[in-house]
Amino acid sequence: MRSWPEAGELWRRAEDLGFRHAWVYDHIAWRGATPWYDAYTTLAAAAAVTSRVRIGTLVTSPNFRHPVPTAHAIKTIDHVSGGRVTVGIGAGGTRRASDAGVLGGDDWTPGERASRFAEWVELLDLLLRGPETSFEGTYYTAREVVQEPGCVQRPRVPFVIAADGPRGMRVAARHGAGWVTGGHAEGRAPQDVVRSRLAALDAACEAEGREIADRILMTGFSGEPWLASAGAFADLAGAYAELGITEIALHWPRPGTPFDADMDVFEAIAAEYGGDARPG
């Protein structure tokens, strides 16, 4: 893990390279991975050392966060950044060695996880719209929560929803300004996976009577050679654009991890496509 002065320079470098958005994971533990800082503290610090690049989580989840303090952190970062934050939200992983297990408690069933996710997003939406929120849900409660001053971005900070299943797609269609997928499913070609998920998203949006403009592919999980060369990136990005993907999220090269890559290639991609590829 880099010291913050070094990490701060990387945030400035991402902005200088022309990326429109820089993301962070939101975990407190992920066994076997390299250490990292807290997501929202990092975003506040990143907001202070940048001025143009949008910043956000990819993704926050209900695994260890309650919507009330999360909304307070998001609103604060929206002010620190001058309205440059986007919140990526997902249902969260199920591995007991990760965020789902380190706080103890019983495992959530898939049905409970999906229900918690939908309720969590609903309450966060209300809290960020403010000015005062009371909510009694099955899993989450808020009582006379004052959220003033409100978000810089109105009516609230935009959400990007990570969803692959039908219930998550409905959450994305109802609350999302964007949608994100990793494009991975065992035994299936990544582009076939994304094609079918985009079709499901379109159906959910039609049912909800809304459109989602931003359709983000988070790379690095499907085995495709995104950072093998600038040409490889161009070919893959073009193929996914034809499917309906509007933005590509790349991992910043990290030596000693599955996301290691040639920094010269990464910077060449940024120089050519920096307005469309987004580092994470």
C-alpha atoms as a PDB file:
ATOM      1  CA  MET A   1       0.000   0.000   0.000  1.00  0.00           C
ATOM      2  CA  ARG A   2       1.367   3.423  -0.934  1.00  0.00           C
ATOM      3  CA  SER A   3       1.749   6.257   1.530  1.00  0.00           C
ATOM      4  CA  TRP A   4      -0.910   8.922   1.089  1.00  0.00           C
ATOM      5  CA  PRO A   5       1.510  11.457  -0.492  1.00  0.00           C
ATOM      6  CA  GLU A   6       2.303   8.826  -3.143  1.00  0.00           C
ATOM      7  CA  ALA A   7      -1.349   7.847  -3.532  1.00  0.00           C
ATOM      8  CA  GLY A   8      -2.371  11.488  -3.839  1.00  0.00           C
ATOM      9  CA  GLU A   9       0.056  11.871  -6.729  1.00  0.00           C
ATOM     10  CA  LEU A  10      -1.643   8.950  -8.494  1.00  0.00           C
ATOM     11  CA  TRP A  11      -5.017  10.678  -8.207  1.00  0.00           C
ATOM     12  CA  ARG A  12      -3.524  13.811  -9.737  1.00  0.00           C
ATOM     13  CA  ARG A  13      -1.883  11.669 -12.417  1.00  0.00           C
ATOM     14  CA  ALA A  14      -5.236  10.094 -13.327  1.00  0.00           C
ATOM     15  CA  GLU A  15      -6.675  13.568 -13.756  1.00  0.00           C
ATOM     16  CA  ASP A  16      -3.705  14.727 -15.838  1.00  0.00           C
ATOM     17  CA  LEU A  17      -3.996  11.664 -18.081  1.00  0.00           C
ATOM     18  CA  GLY A  18      -7.500  12.790 -19.012  1.00  0.00           C
ATOM     19  CA  PHE A  19      -9.619  10.160 -17.305  1.00  0.00           C
ATOM     20  CA  ARG A  20     -13.114  11.419 -16.579  1.00  0.00           C
ATOM     21  CA  HIS A  21     -13.695   9.278 -13.511  1.00  0.00           C
ATOM     22  CA  ALA A  22     -11.486   7.541 -10.928  1.00  0.00           C
ATOM     23  CA  TRP A  23     -12.959   4.848  -8.709  1.00  0.00           C
ATOM     24  CA  VAL A  24     -12.101   3.034  -5.471  1.00  0.00           C
ATOM     25  CA  TYR A  25     -13.263  -0.287  -4.109  1.00  0.00           C
ATOM     26  CA  ASP A  26     -15.157  -0.178  -0.819  1.00  0.00           C
ATOM     27  CA  HIS A  27     -14.011  -3.022   1.436  1.00  0.00           C
ATOM     28  CA  ILE A  28     -12.780  -3.390   4.981  1.00  0.00           C
ATOM     29  CA  ALA A  29     -11.234  -6.800   4.318  1.00  0.00           C
ATOM     30  CA  TRP A  30     -10.519  -9.049   1.377  1.00  0.00           C
ATOM     31  CA  ARG A  31      -8.215 -11.858   2.397  1.00  0.00           C
ATOM     32  CA  GLY A  32      -5.249 -12.488   0.110  1.00  0.00           C
ATOM     33  CA  ALA A  33      -5.374  -9.029  -1.478  1.00  0.00           C
ATOM     34  CA  THR A  34      -3.093  -6.061  -0.940  1.00  0.00           C
ATOM     35  CA  PRO A  35      -4.070  -3.576   1.816  1.00  0.00           C
ATOM     36  CA  TRP A  36      -6.027  -0.433   1.042  1.00  0.00           C
ATOM     37  CA  TYR A  37      -7.370   2.676   2.713  1.00  0.00           C
ATOM     38  CA  ASP A  38     -10.994   3.327   3.680  1.00  0.00           C
ATOM     39  CA  ALA A  39     -12.990   4.282   0.603  1.00  0.00           C
ATOM     40  CA  TYR A  40     -14.798   7.411   1.766  1.00  0.00           C
ATOM     41  CA  THR A  41     -11.836   8.891   3.626  1.00  0.00           C
ATOM     42  CA  THR A  42      -9.757   8.303   0.502  1.00  0.00           C
ATOM     43  CA  LEU A  43     -12.358   9.975  -1.707  1.00  0.00           C
ATOM     44  CA  ALA A  44     -12.426  13.050   0.529  1.00  0.00           C
ATOM     45  CA  ALA A  45      -8.639  13.279   0.329  1.00  0.00           C
ATOM     46  CA  ALA A  46      -8.707  12.676  -3.436  1.00  0.00           C
ATOM     47  CA  ALA A  47     -11.288  15.426  -3.845  1.00  0.00           C
ATOM     48  CA  ALA A  48      -8.912  17.832  -2.132  1.00  0.00           C
ATOM     49  CA  VAL A  49      -5.988  17.105  -4.481  1.00  0.00           C
ATOM     50  CA  THR A  50      -7.953  17.108  -7.763  1.00  0.00           C
ATOM     51  CA  SER A  51     -10.241  19.594  -9.459  1.00  0.00           C
ATOM     52  CA  ARG A  52     -11.754  18.009 -12.599  1.00  0.00           C
ATOM     53  CA  VAL A  53     -11.900  14.207 -12.494  1.00  0.00           C
ATOM     54  CA  ARG A  54     -15.078  12.663 -11.115  1.00  0.00           C
ATOM     55  CA  ILE A  55     -14.533  10.309  -8.185  1.00  0.00           C
ATOM     56  CA  GLY A  56     -16.566   7.487  -6.705  1.00  0.00           C
ATOM     57  CA  THR A  57     -16.992   4.008  -5.246  1.00  0.00           C
ATOM     58  CA  LEU A  58     -17.097   0.875  -7.345  1.00  0.00           C
ATOM     59  CA  VAL A  59     -18.884  -0.357  -5.338  1.00  0.00           C
ATOM     60  CA  THR A  60     -20.290   0.356  -1.877  1.00  0.00           C
ATOM     61  CA  SER A  61     -22.546  -2.348  -0.391  1.00  0.00           C
ATOM     62  CA  PRO A  62     -24.791  -3.045   2.621  1.00  0.00           C
ATOM     63  CA  ASN A  63     -22.292  -5.656   3.881  1.00  0.00           C
ATOM     64  CA  PHE A  64     -20.895  -3.341   6.531  1.00  0.00           C
ATOM     65  CA  ARG A  65     -22.455   0.088   5.965  1.00  0.00           C
ATOM     66  CA  HIS A  66     -25.738   1.560   7.195  1.00  0.00           C
ATOM     67  CA  PRO A  67     -27.376   4.095   4.858  1.00  0.00           C
ATOM     68  CA  VAL A  68     -27.504   6.933   7.441  1.00  0.00           C
ATOM     69  CA  PRO A  69     -23.759   7.419   8.106  1.00  0.00           C
ATOM     70  CA  THR A  70     -23.025   6.492   4.493  1.00  0.00           C
ATOM     71  CA  ALA A  71     -25.285   9.304   3.269  1.00  0.00           C
ATOM     72  CA  HIS A  72     -23.534  11.739   5.599  1.00  0.00           C
ATOM     73  CA  ALA A  73     -20.127  10.775   4.188  1.00  0.00           C
ATOM     74  CA  ILE A  74     -21.355  10.998   0.587  1.00  0.00           C
ATOM     75  CA  LYS A  75     -22.900  14.413   1.105  1.00  0.00           C
ATOM     76  CA  THR A  76     -19.698  15.691   2.712  1.00  0.00           C
ATOM     77  CA  ILE A  77     -17.549  14.444  -0.170  1.00  0.00           C
ATOM     78  CA  ASP A  78     -19.958  16.004  -2.661  1.00  0.00           C
ATOM     79  CA  HIS A  79     -19.254  19.355  -1.013  1.00  0.00           C
ATOM     80  CA  VAL A  80     -15.485  18.815  -0.715  1.00  0.00           C
ATOM     81  CA  SER A  81     -15.299  17.845  -4.393  1.00  0.00           C
ATOM     82  CA  GLY A  82     -17.571  20.594  -5.646  1.00  0.00           C
ATOM     83  CA  GLY A  83     -20.128  18.093  -6.944  1.00  0.00           C
ATOM     84  CA  ARG A  84     -17.809  15.510  -8.518  1.00  0.00           C
ATOM     85  CA  VAL A  85     -18.779  12.320  -6.696  1.00  0.00           C
ATOM     86  CA  THR A  86     -20.718   9.332  -8.049  1.00  0.00           C
ATOM     87  CA  VAL A  87     -21.701   6.434  -5.802  1.00  0.00           C
ATOM     88  CA  GLY A  88     -21.444   2.938  -7.213  1.00  0.00           C
ATOM     89  CA  ILE A  89     -23.578   0.496  -5.197  1.00  0.00           C
ATOM     90  CA  GLY A  90     -23.833  -3.289  -5.248  1.00  0.00           C
ATOM     91  CA  ALA A  91     -25.389  -6.060  -3.174  1.00  0.00           C
ATOM     92  CA  GLY A  92     -21.970  -7.167  -1.880  1.00  0.00           C
ATOM     93  CA  GLY A  93     -20.079 -10.432  -1.908  1.00  0.00           C
ATOM     94  CA  THR A  94     -20.872 -13.526   0.113  1.00  0.00           C
ATOM     95  CA  ARG A  95     -17.416 -14.842   0.945  1.00  0.00           C
ATOM     96  CA  ARG A  96     -17.006 -15.223   4.697  1.00  0.00           C
ATOM     97  CA  ALA A  97     -13.363 -14.184   4.365  1.00  0.00           C
ATOM     98  CA  SER A  98     -14.399 -10.772   3.061  1.00  0.00           C
ATOM     99  CA  ASP A  99     -16.683  -7.962   4.229  1.00  0.00           C
ATOM    100  CA  ALA A 100     -19.595 -10.374   4.536  1.00  0.00           C
ATOM    101  CA  GLY A 101     -17.893 -12.225   7.361  1.00  0.00           C
ATOM    102  CA  VAL A 102     -15.446 -10.086   9.295  1.00  0.00           C
ATOM    103  CA  LEU A 103     -18.126  -8.423  11.430  1.00  0.00           C
ATOM    104  CA  GLY A 104     -19.631 -11.754  12.466  1.00  0.00           C
ATOM    105  CA  GLY A 105     -23.297 -12.635  12.379  1.00  0.00           C
ATOM    106  CA  ASP A 106     -25.228 -15.076  10.247  1.00  0.00           C
ATOM    107  CA  ASP A 107     -24.836 -15.445   6.504  1.00  0.00           C
ATOM    108  CA  TRP A 108     -27.547 -13.762   4.469  1.00  0.00           C
ATOM    109  CA  THR A 109     -29.465 -15.928   2.048  1.00  0.00           C
ATOM    110  CA  PRO A 110     -29.442 -14.748  -1.580  1.00  0.00           C
ATOM    111  CA  GLY A 111     -33.034 -13.594  -1.138  1.00  0.00           C
ATOM    112  CA  GLU A 112     -32.252 -11.611   1.996  1.00  0.00           C
ATOM    113  CA  ARG A 113     -29.179 -10.068   0.369  1.00  0.00           C
ATOM    114  CA  ALA A 114     -31.272  -8.907  -2.589  1.00  0.00           C
ATOM    115  CA  SER A 115     -33.965  -7.509  -0.283  1.00  0.00           C
ATOM    116  CA  ARG A 116     -31.426  -5.690   1.879  1.00  0.00           C
ATOM    117  CA  PHE A 117     -29.815  -4.238  -1.235  1.00  0.00           C
ATOM    118  CA  ALA A 118     -33.119  -2.866  -2.558  1.00  0.00           C
ATOM    119  CA  GLU A 119     -34.067  -1.384   0.819  1.00  0.00           C
ATOM    120  CA  TRP A 120     -30.580   0.049   1.377  1.00  0.00           C
ATOM    121  CA  VAL A 121     -30.639   1.877  -1.970  1.00  0.00           C
ATOM    122  CA  GLU A 122     -34.186   3.130  -1.367  1.00  0.00           C
ATOM    123  CA  LEU A 123     -33.238   4.627   1.997  1.00  0.00           C
ATOM    124  CA  LEU A 124     -29.977   6.117   0.720  1.00  0.00           C
ATOM    125  CA  ASP A 125     -31.930   7.790  -2.080  1.00  0.00           C
ATOM    126  CA  LEU A 126     -34.321   9.368   0.433  1.00  0.00           C
ATOM    127  CA  LEU A 127     -31.512  10.477   2.750  1.00  0.00           C
ATOM    128  CA  LEU A 128     -29.570  12.219   0.002  1.00  0.00           C
ATOM    129  CA  ARG A 129     -32.652  14.017  -1.275  1.00  0.00           C
ATOM    130  CA  GLY A 130     -33.450  15.264   2.275  1.00  0.00           C
ATOM    131  CA  PRO A 131     -33.958  17.578   4.023  1.00  0.00           C
ATOM    132  CA  GLU A 132     -35.306  15.252   6.756  1.00  0.00           C
ATOM    133  CA  THR A 133     -35.914  11.524   6.587  1.00  0.00           C
ATOM    134  CA  SER A 134     -37.723   8.991   8.740  1.00  0.00           C
ATOM    135  CA  PHE A 135     -37.900   5.402   7.524  1.00  0.00           C
ATOM    136  CA  GLU A 136     -38.959   2.083   9.053  1.00  0.00           C
ATOM    137  CA  GLY A 137     -37.933  -0.810   6.865  1.00  0.00           C
ATOM    138  CA  THR A 138     -37.511  -4.514   7.348  1.00  0.00           C
ATOM    139  CA  TYR A 139     -33.744  -4.179   7.753  1.00  0.00           C
ATOM    140  CA  TYR A 140     -32.918  -0.478   8.125  1.00  0.00           C
ATOM    141  CA  THR A 141     -34.318   2.384  10.170  1.00  0.00           C
ATOM    142  CA  ALA A 142     -33.837   6.151  10.094  1.00  0.00           C
ATOM    143  CA  ARG A 143     -35.539   8.526  12.505  1.00  0.00           C
ATOM    144  CA  GLU A 144     -35.740  12.264  11.870  1.00  0.00           C
ATOM    145  CA  VAL A 145     -32.387  12.356  10.090  1.00  0.00           C
ATOM    146  CA  VAL A 146     -31.568  15.906   8.995  1.00  0.00           C
ATOM    147  CA  GLN A 147     -29.455  16.040   5.837  1.00  0.00           C
ATOM    148  CA  GLU A 148     -28.837  19.752   5.460  1.00  0.00           C
ATOM    149  CA  PRO A 149     -27.013  21.160   3.669  1.00  0.00           C
ATOM    150  CA  GLY A 150     -28.061  18.801   0.937  1.00  0.00           C
ATOM    151  CA  CYS A 151     -26.007  17.486  -1.933  1.00  0.00           C
ATOM    152  CA  VAL A 152     -24.299  19.895  -4.314  1.00  0.00           C
ATOM    153  CA  GLN A 153     -25.639  17.773  -7.181  1.00  0.00           C
ATOM    154  CA  ARG A 154     -29.426  17.909  -7.367  1.00  0.00           C
ATOM    155  CA  PRO A 155     -31.682  16.211  -6.655  1.00  0.00           C
ATOM    156  CA  ARG A 156     -28.874  14.060  -5.206  1.00  0.00           C
ATOM    157  CA  VAL A 157     -25.501  12.480  -5.965  1.00  0.00           C
ATOM    158  CA  PRO A 158     -25.888  10.068  -8.926  1.00  0.00           C
ATOM    159  CA  PHE A 159     -25.941   6.302  -8.348  1.00  0.00           C
ATOM    160  CA  VAL A 160     -24.301   3.662 -10.525  1.00  0.00           C
ATOM    161  CA  ILE A 161     -25.884   0.311  -9.694  1.00  0.00           C
ATOM    162  CA  ALA A 162     -24.028  -2.996 -10.043  1.00  0.00           C
ATOM    163  CA  ALA A 163     -26.620  -5.631 -10.872  1.00  0.00           C
ATOM    164  CA  ASP A 164     -26.750  -8.897 -12.783  1.00  0.00           C
ATOM    165  CA  GLY A 165     -29.975 -10.557 -11.582  1.00  0.00           C
ATOM    166  CA  PRO A 166     -33.595  -9.495 -12.140  1.00  0.00           C
ATOM    167  CA  ARG A 167     -34.148  -7.930  -8.689  1.00  0.00           C
ATOM    168  CA  GLY A 168     -30.939  -5.937  -8.918  1.00  0.00           C
ATOM    169  CA  MET A 169     -31.828  -4.825 -12.433  1.00  0.00           C
ATOM    170  CA  ARG A 170     -35.086  -3.408 -11.093  1.00  0.00           C
ATOM    171  CA  VAL A 171     -33.139  -1.440  -8.482  1.00  0.00           C
ATOM    172  CA  ALA A 172     -30.853  -0.107 -11.220  1.00  0.00           C
ATOM    173  CA  ALA A 173     -33.787   0.859 -13.430  1.00  0.00           C
ATOM    174  CA  ARG A 174     -35.524   2.662 -10.562  1.00  0.00           C
ATOM    175  CA  HIS A 175     -32.619   4.510  -8.953  1.00  0.00           C
ATOM    176  CA  GLY A 176     -29.571   4.408 -11.225  1.00  0.00           C
ATOM    177  CA  ALA A 177     -28.045   7.084 -13.396  1.00  0.00           C
ATOM    178  CA  GLY A 178     -25.723   4.290 -14.506  1.00  0.00           C
ATOM    179  CA  TRP A 179     -25.274   0.526 -14.404  1.00  0.00           C
ATOM    180  CA  VAL A 180     -22.096  -1.527 -14.035  1.00  0.00           C
ATOM    181  CA  THR A 181     -21.178  -5.151 -14.683  1.00  0.00           C
ATOM    182  CA  GLY A 182     -17.992  -7.198 -14.614  1.00  0.00           C
ATOM    183  CA  GLY A 183     -19.073  -9.325 -17.558  1.00  0.00           C
ATOM    184  CA  HIS A 184     -18.074 -12.622 -15.944  1.00  0.00           C
ATOM    185  CA  ALA A 185     -20.131 -15.807 -15.720  1.00  0.00           C
ATOM    186  CA  GLU A 186     -18.703 -19.304 -15.460  1.00  0.00           C
ATOM    187  CA  GLY A 187     -18.655 -21.161 -18.761  1.00  0.00           C
ATOM    188  CA  ARG A 188     -19.883 -18.260 -20.900  1.00  0.00           C
ATOM    189  CA  ALA A 189     -18.082 -15.858 -23.220  1.00  0.00           C
ATOM    190  CA  PRO A 190     -17.842 -12.377 -21.642  1.00  0.00           C
ATOM    191  CA  GLN A 191     -19.440 -10.580 -24.580  1.00  0.00           C
ATOM    192  CA  ASP A 192     -22.369 -13.008 -24.571  1.00  0.00           C
ATOM    193  CA  VAL A 193     -22.791 -12.355 -20.844  1.00  0.00           C
ATOM    194  CA  VAL A 194     -22.818  -8.595 -21.324  1.00  0.00           C
ATOM    195  CA  ARG A 195     -25.200  -8.811 -24.279  1.00  0.00           C
ATOM    196  CA  SER A 196     -27.766 -10.760 -22.254  1.00  0.00           C
ATOM    197  CA  ARG A 197     -27.404  -8.508 -19.213  1.00  0.00           C
ATOM    198  CA  LEU A 198     -27.885  -5.390 -21.311  1.00  0.00           C
ATOM    199  CA  ALA A 199     -31.070  -6.899 -22.730  1.00  0.00           C
ATOM    200  CA  ALA A 200     -32.296  -7.570 -19.193  1.00  0.00           C
ATOM    201  CA  LEU A 201     -31.423  -4.014 -18.178  1.00  0.00           C
ATOM    202  CA  ASP A 202     -33.330  -2.594 -21.138  1.00  0.00           C
ATOM    203  CA  ALA A 203     -36.383  -4.643 -20.177  1.00  0.00           C
ATOM    204  CA  ALA A 204     -36.182  -3.433 -16.572  1.00  0.00           C
ATOM    205  CA  CYS A 205     -35.838   0.180 -17.704  1.00  0.00           C
ATOM    206  CA  GLU A 206     -38.819  -0.151 -20.024  1.00  0.00           C
ATOM    207  CA  ALA A 207     -40.920  -1.544 -17.182  1.00  0.00           C
ATOM    208  CA  GLU A 208     -39.828   1.324 -14.935  1.00  0.00           C
ATOM    209  CA  GLY A 209     -40.305   3.976 -17.622  1.00  0.00           C
ATOM    210  CA  ARG A 210     -36.744   5.273 -17.264  1.00  0.00           C
ATOM    211  CA  GLU A 211     -33.536   5.284 -19.278  1.00  0.00           C
ATOM    212  CA  ILE A 212     -30.014   4.642 -17.986  1.00  0.00           C
ATOM    213  CA  ALA A 213     -27.426   6.479 -20.048  1.00  0.00           C
ATOM    214  CA  ASP A 214     -24.198   5.196 -18.488  1.00  0.00           C
ATOM    215  CA  ARG A 215     -23.480   1.486 -18.997  1.00  0.00           C
ATOM    216  CA  ILE A 216     -20.102   0.671 -17.501  1.00  0.00           C
ATOM    217  CA  LEU A 217     -17.955  -2.428 -17.953  1.00  0.00           C
ATOM    218  CA  MET A 218     -15.562  -3.058 -15.074  1.00  0.00           C
ATOM    219  CA  THR A 219     -12.669  -4.946 -16.634  1.00  0.00           C
ATOM    220  CA  GLY A 220     -10.182  -7.352 -15.101  1.00  0.00           C
ATOM    221  CA  PHE A 221     -12.430 -10.263 -14.138  1.00  0.00           C
ATOM    222  CA  SER A 222     -13.179 -12.066 -17.402  1.00  0.00           C
ATOM    223  CA  GLY A 223      -9.680 -12.921 -18.646  1.00  0.00           C
ATOM    224  CA  GLU A 224      -9.774 -10.538 -21.597  1.00  0.00           C
ATOM    225  CA  PRO A 225      -6.429  -8.827 -22.456  1.00  0.00           C
ATOM    226  CA  TRP A 226      -7.532  -5.224 -21.961  1.00  0.00           C
ATOM    227  CA  LEU A 227      -4.048  -3.921 -21.119  1.00  0.00           C
ATOM    228  CA  ALA A 228      -1.983  -6.187 -23.383  1.00  0.00           C
ATOM    229  CA  SER A 229      -1.598  -3.336 -25.862  1.00  0.00           C
ATOM    230  CA  ALA A 230      -3.338  -0.182 -27.015  1.00  0.00           C
ATOM    231  CA  GLY A 231      -4.582  -2.146 -30.012  1.00  0.00           C
ATOM    232  CA  ALA A 232      -6.065  -4.871 -27.828  1.00  0.00           C
ATOM    233  CA  PHE A 233      -7.880  -2.232 -25.806  1.00  0.00           C
ATOM    234  CA  ALA A 234      -9.231  -0.585 -28.957  1.00  0.00           C
ATOM    235  CA  ASP A 235     -10.533  -3.884 -30.328  1.00  0.00           C
ATOM    236  CA  LEU A 236     -12.257  -4.876 -27.098  1.00  0.00           C
ATOM    237  CA  ALA A 237     -13.658  -1.410 -26.411  1.00  0.00           C
ATOM    238  CA  GLY A 238     -15.083  -1.271 -29.926  1.00  0.00           C
ATOM    239  CA  ALA A 239     -16.737  -4.661 -29.589  1.00  0.00           C
ATOM    240  CA  TYR A 240     -18.369  -3.732 -26.290  1.00  0.00           C
ATOM    241  CA  ALA A 241     -19.457  -0.337 -27.603  1.00  0.00           C
ATOM    242  CA  GLU A 242     -21.368  -2.154 -30.334  1.00  0.00           C
ATOM    243  CA  LEU A 243     -23.185  -4.094 -27.611  1.00  0.00           C
ATOM    244  CA  GLY A 244     -24.186  -0.886 -25.822  1.00  0.00           C
ATOM    245  CA  ILE A 245     -21.431  -0.344 -23.245  1.00  0.00           C
ATOM    246  CA  THR A 246     -20.696   3.370 -22.946  1.00  0.00           C
ATOM    247  CA  GLU A 247     -17.716   3.402 -20.565  1.00  0.00           C
ATOM    248  CA  ILE A 248     -14.790   1.170 -19.659  1.00  0.00           C
ATOM    249  CA  ALA A 249     -13.317   1.006 -16.145  1.00  0.00           C
ATOM    250  CA  LEU A 250      -9.683  -0.156 -16.020  1.00  0.00           C
ATOM    251  CA  HIS A 251      -7.623  -1.156 -13.007  1.00  0.00           C
ATOM    252  CA  TRP A 252      -4.603   1.036 -12.408  1.00  0.00           C
ATOM    253  CA  PRO A 253      -1.604  -1.321 -12.913  1.00  0.00           C
ATOM    254  CA  ARG A 254      -0.522  -2.824  -9.588  1.00  0.00           C
ATOM    255  CA  PRO A 255       2.647  -4.975  -9.545  1.00  0.00           C
ATOM    256  CA  GLY A 256       2.313  -8.320  -7.822  1.00  0.00           C
ATOM    257  CA  THR A 257      -1.456  -8.522  -8.341  1.00  0.00           C
ATOM    258  CA  PRO A 258      -3.690  -9.916 -11.110  1.00  0.00           C
ATOM    259  CA  PHE A 259      -3.997  -6.301 -12.290  1.00  0.00           C
ATOM    260  CA  ASP A 260      -0.310  -5.864 -13.106  1.00  0.00           C
ATOM    261  CA  ALA A 261       0.314  -4.338 -16.536  1.00  0.00           C
ATOM    262  CA  ASP A 262       2.802  -2.285 -18.514  1.00  0.00           C
ATOM    263  CA  MET A 263       2.419   1.331 -17.385  1.00  0.00           C
ATOM    264  CA  ASP A 264       3.522   2.566 -20.812  1.00  0.00           C
ATOM    265  CA  VAL A 265       0.609   0.696 -22.388  1.00  0.00           C
ATOM    266  CA  PHE A 266      -1.786   2.072 -19.777  1.00  0.00           C
ATOM    267  CA  GLU A 267      -0.648   5.635 -20.440  1.00  0.00           C
ATOM    268  CA  ALA A 268      -0.859   5.128 -24.207  1.00  0.00           C
ATOM    269  CA  ILE A 269      -4.471   3.993 -23.795  1.00  0.00           C
ATOM    270  CA  ALA A 270      -5.169   7.011 -21.597  1.00  0.00           C
ATOM    271  CA  ALA A 271      -3.658   9.371 -24.158  1.00  0.00           C
ATOM    272  CA  GLU A 272      -5.863   7.963 -26.904  1.00  0.00           C
ATOM    273  CA  TYR A 273      -9.054   7.160 -25.007  1.00  0.00           C
ATOM    274  CA  GLY A 274      -8.764   8.948 -21.659  1.00  0.00           C
ATOM    275  CA  GLY A 275     -12.167  10.545 -21.968  1.00  0.00           C
ATOM    276  CA  ASP A 276     -13.819   7.120 -22.227  1.00  0.00           C
ATOM    277  CA  ALA A 277     -11.736   4.731 -20.117  1.00  0.00           C
ATOM    278  CA  ARG A 278     -11.960   5.122 -16.366  1.00  0.00           C
ATOM    279  CA  PRO A 279      -9.264   3.914 -13.974  1.00  0.00           C
ATOM    280  CA  GLY A 280     -10.129   2.056 -10.791  1.00  0.00           C
END
